N, C-alpha and C. Protein backbone atom coordinates (compact mmCIF):
# COMPACT_ATOMS: atom_id res chain seq x y z
N MET A 1 13.62 -96.22 -98.22
CA MET A 1 15.05 -96.25 -97.96
C MET A 1 15.67 -95.07 -98.68
N ASP A 2 16.63 -94.44 -98.06
CA ASP A 2 17.19 -93.23 -98.67
C ASP A 2 18.13 -93.56 -99.84
N ASP A 3 18.43 -92.54 -100.62
CA ASP A 3 19.22 -92.71 -101.84
C ASP A 3 20.61 -93.27 -101.58
N GLU A 4 21.22 -92.89 -100.46
CA GLU A 4 22.57 -93.38 -100.16
C GLU A 4 22.58 -94.89 -99.97
N VAL A 5 21.57 -95.42 -99.32
CA VAL A 5 21.50 -96.87 -99.12
C VAL A 5 21.27 -97.56 -100.46
N LEU A 6 20.40 -97.00 -101.30
CA LEU A 6 20.18 -97.59 -102.62
C LEU A 6 21.44 -97.54 -103.48
N GLU A 7 22.21 -96.48 -103.35
CA GLU A 7 23.49 -96.40 -104.06
C GLU A 7 24.44 -97.48 -103.56
N TRP A 8 24.45 -97.71 -102.26
CA TRP A 8 25.29 -98.77 -101.69
C TRP A 8 24.85 -100.14 -102.20
N VAL A 9 23.54 -100.37 -102.26
CA VAL A 9 23.02 -101.63 -102.80
C VAL A 9 23.51 -101.83 -104.24
N GLU A 10 23.52 -100.77 -105.02
CA GLU A 10 24.03 -100.85 -106.40
C GLU A 10 25.53 -101.17 -106.42
N ARG A 11 26.27 -100.64 -105.47
CA ARG A 11 27.70 -100.96 -105.38
C ARG A 11 27.89 -102.44 -105.08
N VAL A 12 27.10 -102.97 -104.15
CA VAL A 12 27.15 -104.40 -103.83
C VAL A 12 26.86 -105.21 -105.09
N ALA A 13 25.80 -104.84 -105.79
CA ALA A 13 25.41 -105.57 -107.00
C ALA A 13 26.51 -105.51 -108.06
N GLY A 14 27.09 -104.33 -108.25
CA GLY A 14 28.16 -104.18 -109.23
C GLY A 14 29.37 -105.03 -108.90
N PHE A 15 29.74 -105.06 -107.63
CA PHE A 15 30.88 -105.86 -107.20
C PHE A 15 30.62 -107.35 -107.43
N LEU A 16 29.46 -107.82 -106.98
CA LEU A 16 29.15 -109.24 -107.10
C LEU A 16 28.99 -109.67 -108.55
N THR A 17 28.52 -108.77 -109.39
CA THR A 17 28.41 -109.06 -110.82
C THR A 17 29.80 -109.15 -111.45
N GLN A 18 30.62 -108.17 -111.17
CA GLN A 18 31.95 -108.12 -111.79
C GLN A 18 32.88 -109.21 -111.26
N GLU A 19 32.90 -109.41 -109.97
CA GLU A 19 33.87 -110.33 -109.37
C GLU A 19 33.41 -111.78 -109.32
N TYR A 20 32.10 -112.01 -109.22
CA TYR A 20 31.61 -113.38 -109.03
C TYR A 20 30.61 -113.82 -110.08
N GLY A 21 30.32 -112.96 -111.02
CA GLY A 21 29.42 -113.34 -112.10
C GLY A 21 27.96 -113.48 -111.72
N LEU A 22 27.58 -112.94 -110.57
CA LEU A 22 26.17 -112.98 -110.19
C LEU A 22 25.37 -112.03 -111.08
N PRO A 23 24.16 -112.38 -111.41
CA PRO A 23 23.32 -111.44 -112.15
C PRO A 23 23.08 -110.18 -111.31
N PRO A 24 22.93 -109.02 -111.95
CA PRO A 24 22.71 -107.78 -111.19
C PRO A 24 21.54 -107.85 -110.23
N ILE A 25 20.45 -108.48 -110.63
CA ILE A 25 19.28 -108.56 -109.73
C ILE A 25 19.64 -109.34 -108.47
N ALA A 26 20.37 -110.44 -108.60
CA ALA A 26 20.79 -111.22 -107.43
C ALA A 26 21.65 -110.36 -106.52
N GLY A 27 22.54 -109.59 -107.10
CA GLY A 27 23.38 -108.69 -106.30
C GLY A 27 22.57 -107.64 -105.59
N ARG A 28 21.58 -107.09 -106.29
CA ARG A 28 20.72 -106.08 -105.65
C ARG A 28 19.92 -106.68 -104.50
N VAL A 29 19.38 -107.88 -104.73
CA VAL A 29 18.60 -108.54 -103.68
C VAL A 29 19.49 -108.79 -102.46
N LEU A 30 20.68 -109.30 -102.70
CA LEU A 30 21.59 -109.58 -101.59
C LEU A 30 21.97 -108.29 -100.87
N GLY A 31 22.31 -107.26 -101.62
CA GLY A 31 22.63 -105.97 -101.01
C GLY A 31 21.46 -105.42 -100.20
N TRP A 32 20.28 -105.50 -100.78
CA TRP A 32 19.08 -105.01 -100.08
C TRP A 32 18.85 -105.78 -98.79
N LEU A 33 18.95 -107.11 -98.86
CA LEU A 33 18.71 -107.92 -97.67
C LEU A 33 19.78 -107.70 -96.59
N MET A 34 20.94 -107.23 -96.98
CA MET A 34 21.98 -106.92 -96.00
C MET A 34 21.68 -105.60 -95.28
N ALA A 35 20.91 -104.71 -95.91
CA ALA A 35 20.72 -103.36 -95.37
C ALA A 35 19.29 -103.05 -94.92
N CYS A 36 18.32 -103.85 -95.33
CA CYS A 36 16.92 -103.47 -95.12
C CYS A 36 16.46 -103.64 -93.67
N ASP A 37 15.37 -102.97 -93.37
CA ASP A 37 14.72 -103.09 -92.08
C ASP A 37 13.22 -103.12 -92.31
N PRO A 38 12.55 -104.17 -91.93
CA PRO A 38 13.02 -105.32 -91.17
C PRO A 38 13.92 -106.23 -92.01
N PRO A 39 14.70 -107.07 -91.34
CA PRO A 39 15.67 -107.90 -92.05
C PRO A 39 15.04 -109.00 -92.90
N GLU A 40 13.79 -109.34 -92.64
CA GLU A 40 13.07 -110.32 -93.45
C GLU A 40 12.14 -109.57 -94.39
N GLN A 41 12.17 -109.96 -95.67
CA GLN A 41 11.36 -109.29 -96.68
C GLN A 41 10.61 -110.33 -97.51
N SER A 42 9.39 -110.00 -97.89
CA SER A 42 8.62 -110.86 -98.78
C SER A 42 9.10 -110.64 -100.22
N ALA A 43 8.70 -111.53 -101.10
CA ALA A 43 9.06 -111.37 -102.51
C ALA A 43 8.51 -110.06 -103.06
N ALA A 44 7.31 -109.69 -102.66
CA ALA A 44 6.73 -108.44 -103.13
C ALA A 44 7.56 -107.24 -102.66
N GLN A 45 7.99 -107.25 -101.41
CA GLN A 45 8.82 -106.17 -100.90
C GLN A 45 10.15 -106.11 -101.64
N LEU A 46 10.74 -107.27 -101.88
CA LEU A 46 12.02 -107.32 -102.60
C LEU A 46 11.87 -106.81 -104.02
N ALA A 47 10.82 -107.26 -104.70
CA ALA A 47 10.59 -106.85 -106.09
C ALA A 47 10.47 -105.33 -106.18
N GLU A 48 9.74 -104.75 -105.25
CA GLU A 48 9.59 -103.29 -105.25
C GLU A 48 10.91 -102.59 -104.94
N ALA A 49 11.63 -103.10 -103.95
CA ALA A 49 12.87 -102.45 -103.51
C ALA A 49 13.94 -102.44 -104.59
N VAL A 50 14.05 -103.55 -105.34
CA VAL A 50 15.13 -103.65 -106.34
C VAL A 50 14.62 -103.47 -107.76
N ALA A 51 13.35 -103.11 -107.89
CA ALA A 51 12.74 -102.85 -109.20
C ALA A 51 12.92 -104.04 -110.14
N ALA A 52 12.49 -105.21 -109.67
CA ALA A 52 12.60 -106.44 -110.47
C ALA A 52 11.22 -107.02 -110.71
N SER A 53 11.07 -107.69 -111.83
CA SER A 53 9.83 -108.42 -112.08
C SER A 53 9.77 -109.62 -111.15
N ARG A 54 8.59 -110.12 -110.90
CA ARG A 54 8.45 -111.29 -110.01
C ARG A 54 9.17 -112.50 -110.59
N ALA A 55 9.12 -112.67 -111.92
CA ALA A 55 9.77 -113.81 -112.56
C ALA A 55 11.28 -113.73 -112.37
N SER A 56 11.85 -112.56 -112.62
CA SER A 56 13.29 -112.37 -112.45
C SER A 56 13.67 -112.54 -110.99
N LEU A 57 12.87 -112.02 -110.11
CA LEU A 57 13.14 -112.13 -108.69
C LEU A 57 13.15 -113.60 -108.25
N THR A 58 12.17 -114.36 -108.71
CA THR A 58 12.08 -115.78 -108.35
C THR A 58 13.35 -116.52 -108.78
N THR A 59 13.80 -116.28 -110.00
CA THR A 59 15.01 -116.93 -110.52
C THR A 59 16.22 -116.56 -109.67
N ASN A 60 16.35 -115.28 -109.35
CA ASN A 60 17.51 -114.81 -108.60
C ASN A 60 17.46 -115.21 -107.14
N LEU A 61 16.29 -115.28 -106.55
CA LEU A 61 16.17 -115.78 -105.19
C LEU A 61 16.58 -117.24 -105.12
N ARG A 62 16.18 -118.01 -106.11
CA ARG A 62 16.56 -119.43 -106.15
C ARG A 62 18.09 -119.56 -106.18
N LEU A 63 18.73 -118.73 -106.97
CA LEU A 63 20.19 -118.72 -107.06
C LEU A 63 20.82 -118.41 -105.69
N LEU A 64 20.31 -117.40 -105.02
CA LEU A 64 20.85 -117.01 -103.71
C LEU A 64 20.53 -118.05 -102.63
N LEU A 65 19.37 -118.66 -102.71
CA LEU A 65 19.02 -119.74 -101.77
C LEU A 65 19.94 -120.93 -101.97
N ASP A 66 20.14 -121.34 -103.22
CA ASP A 66 21.01 -122.48 -103.52
C ASP A 66 22.45 -122.23 -103.09
N ALA A 67 22.89 -120.99 -103.18
CA ALA A 67 24.25 -120.64 -102.78
C ALA A 67 24.40 -120.58 -101.26
N GLY A 68 23.29 -120.55 -100.55
CA GLY A 68 23.33 -120.48 -99.10
C GLY A 68 23.49 -119.07 -98.55
N LEU A 69 23.36 -118.08 -99.41
CA LEU A 69 23.50 -116.69 -98.96
C LEU A 69 22.21 -116.12 -98.40
N VAL A 70 21.10 -116.67 -98.81
CA VAL A 70 19.79 -116.19 -98.37
C VAL A 70 19.00 -117.37 -97.83
N GLY A 71 18.27 -117.12 -96.74
CA GLY A 71 17.40 -118.12 -96.16
C GLY A 71 15.94 -117.74 -96.39
N LYS A 72 15.08 -118.73 -96.31
CA LYS A 72 13.65 -118.53 -96.56
C LYS A 72 12.88 -119.06 -95.36
N ARG A 73 11.88 -118.30 -94.94
CA ARG A 73 11.03 -118.71 -93.83
C ARG A 73 9.58 -118.57 -94.22
N LEU A 74 8.84 -119.61 -93.98
CA LEU A 74 7.39 -119.58 -94.18
C LEU A 74 6.78 -119.83 -92.82
N GLY A 75 6.14 -118.80 -92.29
CA GLY A 75 5.56 -118.91 -90.96
C GLY A 75 4.40 -119.90 -90.93
N ARG A 76 4.20 -120.46 -89.78
CA ARG A 76 3.13 -121.44 -89.59
C ARG A 76 1.78 -120.80 -89.93
N GLY A 77 1.09 -121.42 -90.85
CA GLY A 77 -0.21 -120.90 -91.26
C GLY A 77 -0.15 -119.72 -92.21
N GLU A 78 1.05 -119.32 -92.61
CA GLU A 78 1.20 -118.19 -93.53
C GLU A 78 1.38 -118.69 -94.95
N ARG A 79 1.00 -117.85 -95.89
CA ARG A 79 1.20 -118.17 -97.30
C ARG A 79 2.36 -117.39 -97.90
N THR A 80 2.83 -116.40 -97.18
CA THR A 80 3.89 -115.54 -97.67
C THR A 80 5.23 -116.02 -97.15
N ALA A 81 6.18 -116.19 -98.05
CA ALA A 81 7.54 -116.55 -97.66
C ALA A 81 8.33 -115.27 -97.42
N TYR A 82 9.23 -115.32 -96.46
CA TYR A 82 10.09 -114.20 -96.14
C TYR A 82 11.55 -114.63 -96.31
N TYR A 83 12.35 -113.71 -96.82
CA TYR A 83 13.75 -113.98 -97.13
C TYR A 83 14.64 -113.09 -96.29
N ARG A 84 15.82 -113.62 -95.95
CA ARG A 84 16.77 -112.85 -95.16
C ARG A 84 18.17 -113.39 -95.37
N VAL A 85 19.16 -112.57 -95.01
CA VAL A 85 20.55 -113.01 -94.97
C VAL A 85 20.81 -113.37 -93.51
N ASP A 86 21.06 -114.64 -93.25
CA ASP A 86 21.36 -115.06 -91.87
C ASP A 86 22.69 -114.46 -91.43
N ASP A 87 22.83 -114.26 -90.12
CA ASP A 87 24.04 -113.65 -89.59
C ASP A 87 25.30 -114.42 -89.96
N ASP A 88 25.20 -115.74 -90.07
CA ASP A 88 26.38 -116.54 -90.38
C ASP A 88 26.45 -116.99 -91.83
N ALA A 89 25.64 -116.40 -92.70
CA ALA A 89 25.58 -116.84 -94.10
C ALA A 89 26.93 -116.72 -94.80
N TRP A 90 27.59 -115.60 -94.63
CA TRP A 90 28.87 -115.38 -95.31
C TRP A 90 29.91 -116.38 -94.82
N GLN A 91 29.99 -116.61 -93.52
CA GLN A 91 30.96 -117.56 -93.00
C GLN A 91 30.70 -118.97 -93.54
N ARG A 92 29.42 -119.37 -93.58
CA ARG A 92 29.09 -120.71 -94.09
C ARG A 92 29.48 -120.86 -95.56
N VAL A 93 29.18 -119.86 -96.36
CA VAL A 93 29.49 -119.91 -97.80
C VAL A 93 30.99 -119.94 -98.01
N ILE A 94 31.70 -119.09 -97.29
CA ILE A 94 33.16 -119.03 -97.45
C ILE A 94 33.81 -120.33 -96.97
N ARG A 95 33.35 -120.86 -95.85
CA ARG A 95 33.89 -122.14 -95.36
C ARG A 95 33.66 -123.26 -96.38
N ARG A 96 32.50 -123.27 -96.98
CA ARG A 96 32.20 -124.29 -98.00
C ARG A 96 33.13 -124.13 -99.20
N ARG A 97 33.38 -122.90 -99.60
CA ARG A 97 34.31 -122.65 -100.72
C ARG A 97 35.72 -123.10 -100.37
N ILE A 98 36.15 -122.81 -99.15
CA ILE A 98 37.49 -123.22 -98.73
C ILE A 98 37.60 -124.74 -98.74
N ALA A 99 36.56 -125.41 -98.28
CA ALA A 99 36.58 -126.88 -98.26
C ALA A 99 36.73 -127.46 -99.66
N THR A 100 36.26 -126.75 -100.67
CA THR A 100 36.37 -127.28 -102.04
C THR A 100 37.80 -127.21 -102.57
N LEU A 101 38.67 -126.44 -101.93
CA LEU A 101 40.05 -126.36 -102.38
C LEU A 101 40.71 -127.73 -102.37
N GLY A 102 40.48 -128.49 -101.30
CA GLY A 102 41.05 -129.84 -101.21
C GLY A 102 40.49 -130.75 -102.29
N SER A 103 39.22 -130.61 -102.60
CA SER A 103 38.62 -131.44 -103.65
C SER A 103 39.25 -131.15 -105.00
N PHE A 104 39.50 -129.90 -105.30
CA PHE A 104 40.11 -129.58 -106.59
C PHE A 104 41.56 -130.05 -106.62
N ARG A 105 42.22 -130.03 -105.48
CA ARG A 105 43.60 -130.54 -105.43
C ARG A 105 43.64 -132.03 -105.71
N ASP A 106 42.63 -132.77 -105.33
CA ASP A 106 42.57 -134.19 -105.71
C ASP A 106 42.57 -134.32 -107.23
N ILE A 107 41.83 -133.44 -107.88
CA ILE A 107 41.75 -133.46 -109.35
C ILE A 107 43.08 -133.03 -109.97
N THR A 108 43.70 -131.97 -109.43
CA THR A 108 44.97 -131.53 -110.00
C THR A 108 46.06 -132.58 -109.80
N ASN A 109 46.07 -133.24 -108.64
CA ASN A 109 47.06 -134.30 -108.41
C ASN A 109 46.89 -135.44 -109.40
N ALA A 110 45.65 -135.82 -109.68
CA ALA A 110 45.40 -136.87 -110.67
C ALA A 110 45.85 -136.41 -112.06
N GLY A 111 45.64 -135.13 -112.36
CA GLY A 111 46.07 -134.59 -113.65
C GLY A 111 47.58 -134.57 -113.78
N ILE A 112 48.27 -134.22 -112.72
CA ILE A 112 49.74 -134.22 -112.74
C ILE A 112 50.24 -135.63 -113.01
N GLU A 113 49.68 -136.57 -112.28
CA GLU A 113 50.09 -137.97 -112.45
C GLU A 113 49.84 -138.44 -113.88
N LEU A 114 48.70 -138.16 -114.41
CA LEU A 114 48.33 -138.57 -115.76
C LEU A 114 49.23 -137.92 -116.81
N LEU A 115 49.41 -136.62 -116.71
CA LEU A 115 50.15 -135.90 -117.74
C LEU A 115 51.66 -136.12 -117.65
N GLU A 116 52.17 -136.40 -116.47
CA GLU A 116 53.59 -136.72 -116.35
C GLU A 116 53.90 -138.04 -117.05
N ARG A 117 52.99 -138.98 -116.97
CA ARG A 117 53.17 -140.27 -117.66
C ARG A 117 53.14 -140.10 -119.16
N ASP A 118 52.46 -139.03 -119.60
CA ASP A 118 52.25 -138.83 -121.03
C ASP A 118 53.16 -137.72 -121.58
N GLY A 119 54.41 -137.72 -121.17
CA GLY A 119 55.36 -136.80 -121.77
C GLY A 119 55.64 -135.52 -120.99
N GLY A 120 55.27 -135.45 -119.73
CA GLY A 120 55.63 -134.30 -118.92
C GLY A 120 54.88 -133.02 -119.23
N ARG A 121 53.63 -133.10 -119.62
CA ARG A 121 52.84 -131.91 -119.98
C ARG A 121 52.08 -131.33 -118.79
N ALA A 122 52.54 -131.53 -117.60
CA ALA A 122 51.76 -131.18 -116.41
C ALA A 122 52.08 -129.81 -115.82
N ALA A 123 52.89 -129.00 -116.47
CA ALA A 123 53.32 -127.73 -115.87
C ALA A 123 52.14 -126.83 -115.49
N ARG A 124 51.16 -126.69 -116.37
CA ARG A 124 50.02 -125.81 -116.05
C ARG A 124 49.18 -126.39 -114.93
N VAL A 125 49.06 -127.71 -114.90
CA VAL A 125 48.29 -128.34 -113.83
C VAL A 125 49.05 -128.20 -112.51
N ARG A 126 50.37 -128.35 -112.54
CA ARG A 126 51.18 -128.14 -111.32
C ARG A 126 51.02 -126.70 -110.82
N SER A 127 50.97 -125.76 -111.73
CA SER A 127 50.79 -124.37 -111.36
C SER A 127 49.45 -124.16 -110.65
N ALA A 128 48.40 -124.74 -111.19
CA ALA A 128 47.08 -124.65 -110.54
C ALA A 128 47.12 -125.32 -109.17
N ASP A 129 47.74 -126.49 -109.10
CA ASP A 129 47.84 -127.21 -107.84
C ASP A 129 48.58 -126.38 -106.80
N ALA A 130 49.66 -125.74 -107.21
CA ALA A 130 50.44 -124.91 -106.28
C ALA A 130 49.61 -123.73 -105.78
N ALA A 131 48.84 -123.13 -106.66
CA ALA A 131 47.99 -122.00 -106.26
C ALA A 131 46.94 -122.46 -105.25
N PHE A 132 46.29 -123.59 -105.51
CA PHE A 132 45.27 -124.09 -104.59
C PHE A 132 45.89 -124.57 -103.28
N ALA A 133 47.10 -125.11 -103.33
CA ALA A 133 47.81 -125.50 -102.10
C ALA A 133 48.11 -124.27 -101.26
N TRP A 134 48.58 -123.21 -101.91
CA TRP A 134 48.87 -121.96 -101.21
C TRP A 134 47.61 -121.41 -100.54
N LEU A 135 46.50 -121.39 -101.29
CA LEU A 135 45.24 -120.89 -100.73
C LEU A 135 44.80 -121.72 -99.53
N ALA A 136 44.87 -123.04 -99.66
CA ALA A 136 44.45 -123.92 -98.56
C ALA A 136 45.30 -123.66 -97.32
N GLU A 137 46.60 -123.49 -97.50
CA GLU A 137 47.49 -123.22 -96.38
C GLU A 137 47.19 -121.84 -95.77
N ALA A 138 46.98 -120.85 -96.62
CA ALA A 138 46.69 -119.50 -96.13
C ALA A 138 45.41 -119.49 -95.31
N PHE A 139 44.38 -120.18 -95.78
CA PHE A 139 43.12 -120.21 -95.04
C PHE A 139 43.24 -121.03 -93.76
N ALA A 140 44.04 -122.08 -93.79
CA ALA A 140 44.23 -122.88 -92.58
C ALA A 140 44.91 -122.06 -91.50
N ASP A 141 45.81 -121.17 -91.89
CA ASP A 141 46.54 -120.33 -90.93
C ASP A 141 45.74 -119.11 -90.48
N ALA A 142 44.68 -118.77 -91.22
CA ALA A 142 43.96 -117.52 -90.98
C ALA A 142 43.12 -117.55 -89.71
N GLY A 143 42.60 -118.70 -89.32
CA GLY A 143 41.77 -118.78 -88.12
C GLY A 143 40.36 -118.31 -88.37
N GLU A 144 39.66 -118.06 -87.28
CA GLU A 144 38.26 -117.67 -87.30
C GLU A 144 38.09 -116.17 -87.53
N PRO A 145 37.00 -115.76 -88.21
CA PRO A 145 36.72 -114.33 -88.34
C PRO A 145 36.33 -113.75 -86.98
N LYS A 146 36.60 -112.48 -86.84
CA LYS A 146 36.29 -111.81 -85.55
C LYS A 146 34.99 -111.07 -85.59
């Protein structure tokens, strides 16, 4: 892969590390899987591409698999697993995150109720609730990605 693509992979890793707290190796793996050809890569190919140890790679792949950003395929009769970013991975992850907004609002509403009974200390919780309400409304109005 040429240097420009590797630089882009590093930009992806840097962004995901800074904004979402992902480890740099996880960011590199995700960036690589977004740009590589073929789109499915073995652990050995990934380790070489992102210059990671197998142990570190295993830990970071587990993180990306659990987050739903990376899928794993083991072919019938094969011993080698292959990893890829599914075409709809980002939409699935983002939709799941949006769905959690309502769950956190249940918690903030309970906090408001509790803290209002106990002397009106709910201002910060109301502020969080308002922010999550705004986000939920904004996403509800946004529609489907194009």
